[in-house]
């Protein structure tokens, strides 16, 4: 018996109070720059039990302007921008080479919060990409060594063989080089913080860069 999608959708709740708390958001007390607030919200998401709060949607576009999106992992955030990594020869890598501008979205439903970041993207020095990959697990290195991300795959058996060889090499050579592995940094021009509110009077605070280290803040209608 098939699933009735419409019935299933109507049965779902957003921000069920049994699992979601909607904390107040005093925008007047928000810091003058977005990274400080992001760090605070990230810590609160972790403390609230949010699963995988470091995952985010990365939106890019190809040379023709067609949009694309996927989930990636945050590798860090600082004065140089929000960092993520991938293969330069992957689909997202090709899109970023053609149009080095992207958007990120974090969603933390346990607190009814969302953070949106957008701006130009640049590649970090290769040594930083190597160091970041080296600090991760053997599985992460094995996945990177398997490579060929987004390329057509002939069969599951072909993937299994390549993956097994990559795992063996990763265990044998924890510093094995992966030339295509690239660390990207998105330097935000705009960062929006969204806080859900029970009566749907959601709070949206946006930061817009006006200069080096300078930001202006404003509220948006929900």
Foldseek 3Di string as FASTA:
>chain_A
DDDDVVVVVVVDDALDVVQAAFDDDDPVPDDQDVVVVVVVVLVVLVVSPFDQQQKKKKWFAALVRHIDIDIFGFLDADLQATKTKDFCPAPVNRRCVNPQKIKIWGARRNHQKMKIFIAGKDWDDPVVLLVSQLVDDLLSQLVLQLDPHNPDDDDPVVSVVSSVVSSVVCVVCSSDDRVRMIMMGGNGQKMWMWGADPVRQIWIKMWGDDDNVHIDIDTDGD
